[in-house]
Amino acid sequence: MKKANMDLEKTIKQMKESATCERCDALPEALGGGSGGSYKMGDGLPREPEKYTMAGHRAKVTKVAMHPIWSFVASASEDATIRLWDFEEGEHERTLKGHSGIVKFLAFH
């Protein structure tokens, strides 16, 4: 276990030195430890200011899922609805109704 940890630390050091890794400062956290550095552009984290605000649910949002191919985001809510959004345009596309209670899970298949 200690040898595997040392090998990972060596790999991280090599990646930082080679400048081929855009997310090297976030790499130790992604591997489950380390102190890491500050996050940089391109690390996948959202930045302010937001491009769009997607408002419409009447209760708390419980789950959000992005479509793997198309520019859709689905949001589930405690108001028993699922809303589909076009995230490139920031527009509400459709509301799916019919649940009798809180929608806790969703996934694109």
Foldseek 3Di string as FASTA:
>chain_A
DVVVVVVVVVVLVVCVVVVPDPFSQCVQVVVPDDDGDDGDPPPPDDDPPDPEDQDDDPADWQDWEADPPAQWIWTFFQSQKIWIARVVVRGTDDIHHDGPGGDHDDDDD
